[in-house]
Amino acid sequence: MFSASLRSLHEQVLPAEPEYCAQLQNVSDWRSWKQPPVMETLKAKARAAGLWNLFLPDGKYGAGLSNVEYAPLARLPGDL
């Protein structure tokens, strides 16, 4: 799961950052802010890859990882 998460960050998330920022720039009123469309695309890809809701310990709703198993994965984005 670690290598899949790292690969997703490098191949999906990091390349989408400019598009995410650009979509945020086009919001005329900060009070009507919504999640940019690119985030929904990334979310769908993460779900399809089994990389969504990794922090949920219940396998019915998330990956079923313990805190100890999830901690290295949660740290990945901060290490990049």
PDB file of N, CA and C in Angstrom:
ATOM      1  N   MET A   1       0.835  -1.193   0.000  1.00  0.00           N
ATOM      2  CA  MET A   1       0.000   0.000   0.000  1.00  0.00           C
ATOM      3  C   MET A   1       0.882   1.260   0.000  1.00  0.00           C
ATOM      4  N   PHE A   2       2.045   1.162   0.641  1.00  0.00           N
ATOM      5  CA  PHE A   2       2.953   2.310   0.693  1.00  0.00           C
ATOM      6  C   PHE A   2       3.385   2.709  -0.714  1.00  0.00           C
ATOM      7  N   SER A   3       3.812   1.731  -1.508  1.00  0.00           N
ATOM      8  CA  SER A   3       4.293   2.059  -2.857  1.00  0.00           C
ATOM      9  C   SER A   3       3.149   2.553  -3.745  1.00  0.00           C
ATOM     10  N   ALA A   4       1.949   2.005  -3.566  1.00  0.00           N
ATOM     11  CA  ALA A   4       0.803   2.477  -4.349  1.00  0.00           C
ATOM     12  C   ALA A   4       0.456   3.916  -3.981  1.00  0.00           C
ATOM     13  N   SER A   5       0.533   4.238  -2.696  1.00  0.00           N
ATOM     14  CA  SER A   5       0.253   5.610  -2.251  1.00  0.00           C
ATOM     15  C   SER A   5       1.297   6.579  -2.793  1.00  0.00           C
ATOM     16  N   LEU A   6       2.544   6.180  -2.720  1.00  0.00           N
ATOM     17  CA  LEU A   6       3.629   7.037  -3.222  1.00  0.00           C
ATOM     18  C   LEU A   6       3.499   7.241  -4.725  1.00  0.00           C
ATOM     19  N   ARG A   7       3.198   6.171  -5.433  1.00  0.00           N
ATOM     20  CA  ARG A   7       3.028   6.273  -6.888  1.00  0.00           C
ATOM     21  C   ARG A   7       1.848   7.194  -7.233  1.00  0.00           C
ATOM     22  N   SER A   8       0.755   7.071  -6.499  1.00  0.00           N
ATOM     23  CA  SER A   8      -0.411   7.931  -6.736  1.00  0.00           C
ATOM     24  C   SER A   8      -0.078   9.393  -6.487  1.00  0.00           C
ATOM     25  N   LEU A   9       0.677   9.656  -5.448  1.00  0.00           N
ATOM     26  CA  LEU A   9       1.078  11.038  -5.170  1.00  0.00           C
ATOM     27  C   LEU A   9       1.894  11.614  -6.321  1.00  0.00           C
ATOM     28  N   HIS A  10       2.852  10.824  -6.816  1.00  0.00           N
ATOM     29  CA  HIS A  10       3.729  11.313  -7.888  1.00  0.00           C
ATOM     30  C   HIS A  10       3.035  11.375  -9.246  1.00  0.00           C
ATOM     31  N   GLU A  11       2.168  10.410  -9.521  1.00  0.00           N
ATOM     32  CA  GLU A  11       1.561  10.328 -10.852  1.00  0.00           C
ATOM     33  C   GLU A  11       0.229  11.070 -10.963  1.00  0.00           C
ATOM     34  N   GLN A  12      -0.486  11.249  -9.851  1.00  0.00           N
ATOM     35  CA  GLN A  12      -1.813  11.844  -9.904  1.00  0.00           C
ATOM     36  C   GLN A  12      -1.891  13.187  -9.172  1.00  0.00           C
ATOM     37  N   VAL A  13      -1.534  13.167  -7.898  1.00  0.00           N
ATOM     38  CA  VAL A  13      -1.770  14.334  -7.038  1.00  0.00           C
ATOM     39  C   VAL A  13      -0.844  15.502  -7.369  1.00  0.00           C
ATOM     40  N   LEU A  14       0.448  15.273  -7.350  1.00  0.00           N
ATOM     41  CA  LEU A  14       1.385  16.381  -7.599  1.00  0.00           C
ATOM     42  C   LEU A  14       1.193  17.019  -8.976  1.00  0.00           C
ATOM     43  N   PRO A  15       1.011  16.240 -10.045  1.00  0.00           N
ATOM     44  CA  PRO A  15       0.761  16.869 -11.344  1.00  0.00           C
ATOM     45  C   PRO A  15      -0.545  17.674 -11.396  1.00  0.00           C
ATOM     46  N   ALA A  16      -1.506  17.363 -10.523  1.00  0.00           N
ATOM     47  CA  ALA A  16      -2.796  18.063 -10.534  1.00  0.00           C
ATOM     48  C   ALA A  16      -2.773  19.359  -9.726  1.00  0.00           C
ATOM     49  N   GLU A  17      -1.705  19.619  -8.987  1.00  0.00           N
ATOM     50  CA  GLU A  17      -1.662  20.826  -8.149  1.00  0.00           C
ATOM     51  C   GLU A  17      -1.853  22.125  -8.937  1.00  0.00           C
ATOM     52  N   PRO A  18      -1.205  22.309 -10.088  1.00  0.00           N
ATOM     53  CA  PRO A  18      -1.435  23.560 -10.834  1.00  0.00           C
ATOM     54  C   PRO A  18      -2.891  23.725 -11.255  1.00  0.00           C
ATOM     55  N   GLU A  19      -3.522  22.640 -11.677  1.00  0.00           N
ATOM     56  CA  GLU A  19      -4.933  22.709 -12.079  1.00  0.00           C
ATOM     57  C   GLU A  19      -5.810  23.034 -10.866  1.00  0.00           C
ATOM     58  N   TYR A  20      -5.511  22.435  -9.736  1.00  0.00           N
ATOM     59  CA  TYR A  20      -6.250  22.710  -8.495  1.00  0.00           C
ATOM     60  C   TYR A  20      -6.163  24.196  -8.153  1.00  0.00           C
ATOM     61  N   CYS A  21      -4.959  24.730  -8.173  1.00  0.00           N
ATOM     62  CA  CYS A  21      -4.760  26.153  -7.859  1.00  0.00           C
ATOM     63  C   CYS A  21      -5.475  27.048  -8.871  1.00  0.00           C
ATOM     64  N   ALA A  22      -5.395  26.695 -10.139  1.00  0.00           N
ATOM     65  CA  ALA A  22      -6.060  27.495 -11.173  1.00  0.00           C
ATOM     66  C   ALA A  22      -7.573  27.487 -10.977  1.00  0.00           C
ATOM     67  N   GLN A  23      -8.124  26.348 -10.611  1.00  0.00           N
ATOM     68  CA  GLN A  23      -9.566  26.271 -10.393  1.00  0.00           C
ATOM     69  C   GLN A  23      -9.980  27.082  -9.172  1.00  0.00           C
ATOM     70  N   LEU A  24      -9.121  27.160  -8.178  1.00  0.00           N
ATOM     71  CA  LEU A  24      -9.421  27.997  -7.012  1.00  0.00           C
ATOM     72  C   LEU A  24      -9.357  29.480  -7.352  1.00  0.00           C
ATOM     73  N   GLN A  25      -8.483  29.843  -8.269  1.00  0.00           N
ATOM     74  CA  GLN A  25      -8.320  31.237  -8.669  1.00  0.00           C
ATOM     75  C   GLN A  25      -9.573  31.770  -9.355  1.00  0.00           C
ATOM     76  N   ASN A  26     -10.345  30.893  -9.963  1.00  0.00           N
ATOM     77  CA  ASN A  26     -11.507  31.310 -10.742  1.00  0.00           C
ATOM     78  C   ASN A  26     -12.778  31.463  -9.916  1.00  0.00           C
ATOM     79  N   VAL A  27     -12.670  31.383  -8.600  1.00  0.00           N
ATOM     80  CA  VAL A  27     -13.834  31.547  -7.734  1.00  0.00           C
ATOM     81  C   VAL A  27     -14.004  33.043  -7.465  1.00  0.00           C
ATOM     82  N   SER A  28     -15.142  33.593  -7.869  1.00  0.00           N
ATOM     83  CA  SER A  28     -15.346  35.032  -7.741  1.00  0.00           C
ATOM     84  C   SER A  28     -15.704  35.453  -6.317  1.00  0.00           C
ATOM     85  N   ASP A  29     -16.358  34.597  -5.576  1.00  0.00           N
ATOM     86  CA  ASP A  29     -16.796  34.938  -4.225  1.00  0.00           C
ATOM     87  C   ASP A  29     -16.347  33.829  -3.272  1.00  0.00           C
ATOM     88  N   TRP A  30     -15.455  34.132  -2.357  1.00  0.00           N
ATOM     89  CA  TRP A  30     -14.909  33.119  -1.454  1.00  0.00           C
ATOM     90  C   TRP A  30     -15.995  32.440  -0.626  1.00  0.00           C
ATOM     91  N   ARG A  31     -17.131  33.099  -0.436  1.00  0.00           N
ATOM     92  CA  ARG A  31     -18.216  32.502   0.357  1.00  0.00           C
ATOM     93  C   ARG A  31     -18.940  31.392  -0.390  1.00  0.00           C
ATOM     94  N   SER A  32     -18.780  31.338  -1.698  1.00  0.00           N
ATOM     95  CA  SER A  32     -19.418  30.281  -2.482  1.00  0.00           C
ATOM     96  C   SER A  32     -18.417  29.196  -2.868  1.00  0.00           C
ATOM     97  N   TRP A  33     -17.326  29.134  -2.134  1.00  0.00           N
ATOM     98  CA  TRP A  33     -16.263  28.181  -2.441  1.00  0.00           C
ATOM     99  C   TRP A  33     -16.758  26.747  -2.357  1.00  0.00           C
ATOM    100  N   LYS A  34     -16.371  25.965  -3.332  1.00  0.00           N
ATOM    101  CA  LYS A  34     -16.632  24.533  -3.351  1.00  0.00           C
ATOM    102  C   LYS A  34     -15.345  23.833  -3.758  1.00  0.00           C
ATOM    103  N   GLN A  35     -15.306  22.557  -3.506  1.00  0.00           N
ATOM    104  CA  GLN A  35     -14.136  21.775  -3.891  1.00  0.00           C
ATOM    105  C   GLN A  35     -13.952  21.861  -5.406  1.00  0.00           C
ATOM    106  N   PRO A  36     -12.753  22.160  -5.892  1.00  0.00           N
ATOM    107  CA  PRO A  36     -12.517  22.232  -7.337  1.00  0.00           C
ATOM    108  C   PRO A  36     -12.801  20.882  -8.009  1.00  0.00           C
ATOM    109  N   PRO A  37     -13.270  20.897  -9.233  1.00  0.00           N
ATOM    110  CA  PRO A  37     -13.585  19.650  -9.948  1.00  0.00           C
ATOM    111  C   PRO A  37     -12.422  18.659 -10.005  1.00  0.00           C
ATOM    112  N   VAL A  38     -11.212  19.158 -10.105  1.00  0.00           N
ATOM    113  CA  VAL A  38     -10.078  18.240 -10.183  1.00  0.00           C
ATOM    114  C   VAL A  38      -9.965  17.400  -8.909  1.00  0.00           C
ATOM    115  N   MET A  39     -10.400  17.922  -7.779  1.00  0.00           N
ATOM    116  CA  MET A  39     -10.356  17.157  -6.536  1.00  0.00           C
ATOM    117  C   MET A  39     -11.312  15.966  -6.606  1.00  0.00           C
ATOM    118  N   GLU A  40     -12.475  16.178  -7.208  1.00  0.00           N
ATOM    119  CA  GLU A  40     -13.423  15.070  -7.353  1.00  0.00           C
ATOM    120  C   GLU A  40     -12.855  13.989  -8.268  1.00  0.00           C
ATOM    121  N   THR A  41     -12.130  14.399  -9.295  1.00  0.00           N
ATOM    122  CA  THR A  41     -11.483  13.446 -10.206  1.00  0.00           C
ATOM    123  C   THR A  41     -10.434  12.641  -9.451  1.00  0.00           C
ATOM    124  N   LEU A  42      -9.606  13.334  -8.668  1.00  0.00           N
ATOM    125  CA  LEU A  42      -8.574  12.649  -7.884  1.00  0.00           C
ATOM    126  C   LEU A  42      -9.193  11.707  -6.855  1.00  0.00           C
ATOM    127  N   LYS A  43     -10.271  12.143  -6.237  1.00  0.00           N
ATOM    128  CA  LYS A  43     -10.960  11.316  -5.246  1.00  0.00           C
ATOM    129  C   LYS A  43     -11.461  10.012  -5.888  1.00  0.00           C
ATOM    130  N   ALA A  44     -12.046  10.117  -7.071  1.00  0.00           N
ATOM    131  CA  ALA A  44     -12.549   8.930  -7.772  1.00  0.00           C
ATOM    132  C   ALA A  44     -11.410   7.973  -8.115  1.00  0.00           C
ATOM    133  N   LYS A  45     -10.284   8.519  -8.550  1.00  0.00           N
ATOM    134  CA  LYS A  45      -9.129   7.676  -8.879  1.00  0.00           C
ATOM    135  C   LYS A  45      -8.587   6.989  -7.628  1.00  0.00           C
ATOM    136  N   ALA A  46      -8.547   7.713  -6.519  1.00  0.00           N
ATOM    137  CA  ALA A  46      -8.056   7.133  -5.264  1.00  0.00           C
ATOM    138  C   ALA A  46      -8.993   6.017  -4.791  1.00  0.00           C
ATOM    139  N   ARG A  47     -10.288   6.245  -4.898  1.00  0.00           N
ATOM    140  CA  ARG A  47     -11.259   5.198  -4.512  1.00  0.00           C
ATOM    141  C   ARG A  47     -11.066   3.950  -5.373  1.00  0.00           C
ATOM    142  N   ALA A  48     -10.929   4.153  -6.675  1.00  0.00           N
ATOM    143  CA  ALA A  48     -10.762   3.023  -7.594  1.00  0.00           C
ATOM    144  C   ALA A  48      -9.487   2.235  -7.297  1.00  0.00           C
ATOM    145  N   ALA A  49      -8.468   2.928  -6.813  1.00  0.00           N
ATOM    146  CA  ALA A  49      -7.192   2.277  -6.506  1.00  0.00           C
ATOM    147  C   ALA A  49      -7.150   1.724  -5.083  1.00  0.00           C
ATOM    148  N   GLY A  50      -8.236   1.907  -4.327  1.00  0.00           N
ATOM    149  CA  GLY A  50      -8.257   1.439  -2.938  1.00  0.00           C
ATOM    150  C   GLY A  50      -7.450   2.308  -2.006  1.00  0.00           C
ATOM    151  N   LEU A  51      -7.266   3.568  -2.365  1.00  0.00           N
ATOM    152  CA  LEU A  51      -6.442   4.487  -1.577  1.00  0.00           C
ATOM    153  C   LEU A  51      -7.264   5.600  -0.931  1.00  0.00           C
ATOM    154  N   TRP A  52      -8.560   5.393  -0.786  1.00  0.00           N
ATOM    155  CA  TRP A  52      -9.425   6.425  -0.207  1.00  0.00           C
ATOM    156  C   TRP A  52      -9.843   5.997   1.195  1.00  0.00           C
ATOM    157  N   ASN A  53      -9.917   6.967   2.117  1.00  0.00           N
ATOM    158  CA  ASN A  53     -10.314   6.731   3.510  1.00  0.00           C
ATOM    159  C   ASN A  53      -9.408   5.720   4.204  1.00  0.00           C
ATOM    160  N   LEU A  54      -8.133   5.809   3.943  1.00  0.00           N
ATOM    161  CA  LEU A  54      -7.190   4.887   4.562  1.00  0.00           C
ATOM    162  C   LEU A  54      -7.156   5.029   6.078  1.00  0.00           C
ATOM    163  N   PHE A  55      -7.539   6.173   6.592  1.00  0.00           N
ATOM    164  CA  PHE A  55      -7.482   6.430   8.025  1.00  0.00           C
ATOM    165  C   PHE A  55      -8.621   5.760   8.793  1.00  0.00           C
ATOM    166  N   LEU A  56      -9.633   5.268   8.095  1.00  0.00           N
ATOM    167  CA  LEU A  56     -10.762   4.631   8.775  1.00  0.00           C
ATOM    168  C   LEU A  56     -10.411   3.182   9.110  1.00  0.00           C
ATOM    169  N   PRO A  57     -10.393   2.836  10.402  1.00  0.00           N
ATOM    170  CA  PRO A  57      -9.966   1.495  10.795  1.00  0.00           C
ATOM    171  C   PRO A  57     -10.987   0.401  10.493  1.00  0.00           C
ATOM    172  N   ASP A  58     -12.223   0.773  10.206  1.00  0.00           N
ATOM    173  CA  ASP A  58     -13.262  -0.204   9.894  1.00  0.00           C
ATOM    174  C   ASP A  58     -13.202  -0.526   8.408  1.00  0.00           C
ATOM    175  N   GLY A  59     -12.898  -1.769   8.071  1.00  0.00           N
ATOM    176  CA  GLY A  59     -12.767  -2.175   6.680  1.00  0.00           C
ATOM    177  C   GLY A  59     -14.025  -1.977   5.855  1.00  0.00           C
ATOM    178  N   LYS A  60     -15.167  -1.837   6.505  1.00  0.00           N
ATOM    179  CA  LYS A  60     -16.421  -1.597   5.778  1.00  0.00           C
ATOM    180  C   LYS A  60     -16.442  -0.208   5.151  1.00  0.00           C
ATOM    181  N   TYR A  61     -15.795   0.755   5.798  1.00  0.00           N
ATOM    182  CA  TYR A  61     -15.833   2.148   5.347  1.00  0.00           C
ATOM    183  C   TYR A  61     -14.488   2.653   4.824  1.00  0.00           C
ATOM    184  N   GLY A  62     -13.432   2.008   5.182  1.00  0.00           N
ATOM    185  CA  GLY A  62     -12.106   2.456   4.782  1.00  0.00           C
ATOM    186  C   GLY A  62     -11.214   1.263   4.493  1.00  0.00           C
ATOM    187  N   ALA A  63      -9.924   1.467   4.637  1.00  0.00           N
ATOM    188  CA  ALA A  63      -8.962   0.414   4.324  1.00  0.00           C
ATOM    189  C   ALA A  63      -8.794  -0.593   5.451  1.00  0.00           C
ATOM    190  N   GLY A  64      -9.308  -0.269   6.637  1.00  0.00           N
ATOM    191  CA  GLY A  64      -9.176  -1.184   7.758  1.00  0.00           C
ATOM    192  C   GLY A  64      -7.792  -1.176   8.386  1.00  0.00           C
ATOM    193  N   LEU A  65      -7.046  -0.082   8.163  1.00  0.00           N
ATOM    194  CA  LEU A  65      -5.699   0.010   8.720  1.00  0.00           C
ATOM    195  C   LEU A  65      -5.746   0.478  10.167  1.00  0.00           C
ATOM    196  N   SER A  66      -4.802  -0.003  10.959  1.00  0.00           N
ATOM    197  CA  SER A  66      -4.639   0.507  12.316  1.00  0.00           C
ATOM    198  C   SER A  66      -3.919   1.853  12.230  1.00  0.00           C
ATOM    199  N   ASN A  67      -3.861   2.565  13.334  1.00  0.00           N
ATOM    200  CA  ASN A  67      -3.124   3.838  13.359  1.00  0.00           C
ATOM    201  C   ASN A  67      -1.657   3.631  13.032  1.00  0.00           C
ATOM    202  N   VAL A  68      -1.099   2.552  13.518  1.00  0.00           N
ATOM    203  CA  VAL A  68       0.319   2.253  13.263  1.00  0.00           C
ATOM    204  C   VAL A  68       0.549   1.979  11.780  1.00  0.00           C
ATOM    205  N   GLU A  69      -0.380   1.304  11.129  1.00  0.00           N
ATOM    206  CA  GLU A  69      -0.253   1.020   9.697  1.00  0.00           C
ATOM    207  C   GLU A  69      -0.493   2.266   8.854  1.00  0.00           C
ATOM    208  N   TYR A  70      -1.406   3.119   9.310  1.00  0.00           N
ATOM    209  CA  TYR A  70      -1.757   4.313   8.549  1.00  0.00           C
ATOM    210  C   TYR A  70      -0.722   5.430   8.680  1.00  0.00           C
ATOM    211  N   ALA A  71      -0.066   5.528   9.800  1.00  0.00           N
ATOM    212  CA  ALA A  71       0.845   6.647  10.078  1.00  0.00           C
ATOM    213  C   ALA A  71       1.891   6.878   8.985  1.00  0.00           C
ATOM    214  N   PRO A  72       2.606   5.868   8.510  1.00  0.00           N
ATOM    215  CA  PRO A  72       3.598   6.133   7.443  1.00  0.00           C
ATOM    216  C   PRO A  72       2.967   6.635   6.153  1.00  0.00           C
ATOM    217  N   LEU A  73       1.738   6.194   5.869  1.00  0.00           N
ATOM    218  CA  LEU A  73       1.043   6.652   4.657  1.00  0.00           C
ATOM    219  C   LEU A  73       0.615   8.106   4.786  1.00  0.00           C
ATOM    220  N   ALA A  74       0.161   8.470   5.979  1.00  0.00           N
ATOM    221  CA  ALA A  74      -0.272   9.859   6.213  1.00  0.00           C
ATOM    222  C   ALA A  74       0.899  10.812   6.140  1.00  0.00           C
ATOM    223  N   ARG A  75       2.052  10.332   6.430  1.00  0.00           N
ATOM    224  CA  ARG A  75       3.246  11.171   6.438  1.00  0.00           C
ATOM    225  C   ARG A  75       3.786  11.440   5.037  1.00  0.00           C
ATOM    226  N   LEU A  76       3.460  10.603   4.088  1.00  0.00           N
ATOM    227  CA  LEU A  76       4.011  10.722   2.728  1.00  0.00           C
ATOM    228  C   LEU A  76       3.898  12.109   2.113  1.00  0.00           C
ATOM    229  N   PRO A  77       2.726  12.733   2.068  1.00  0.00           N
ATOM    230  CA  PRO A  77       2.638  14.048   1.415  1.00  0.00           C
ATOM    231  C   PRO A  77       3.545  15.092   2.050  1.00  0.00           C
ATOM    232  N   GLY A  78       3.721  15.022   3.347  1.00  0.00           N
ATOM    233  CA  GLY A  78       4.580  15.984   4.033  1.00  0.00           C
ATOM    234  C   GLY A  78       6.057  15.764   3.750  1.00  0.00           C
ATOM    235  N   ASP A  79       6.410  14.548   3.368  1.00  0.00           N
ATOM    236  CA  ASP A  79       7.805  14.240   3.079  1.00  0.00           C
ATOM    237  C   ASP A  79       8.225  14.634   1.669  1.00  0.00           C
ATOM    238  N   LEU A  80       7.255  14.953   0.819  1.00  0.00           N
ATOM    239  CA  LEU A  80       7.600  15.270  -0.572  1.00  0.00           C
ATOM    240  C   LEU A  80       8.024  16.697  -0.736  1.00  0.00           C
TER     241      LEU A  80
END
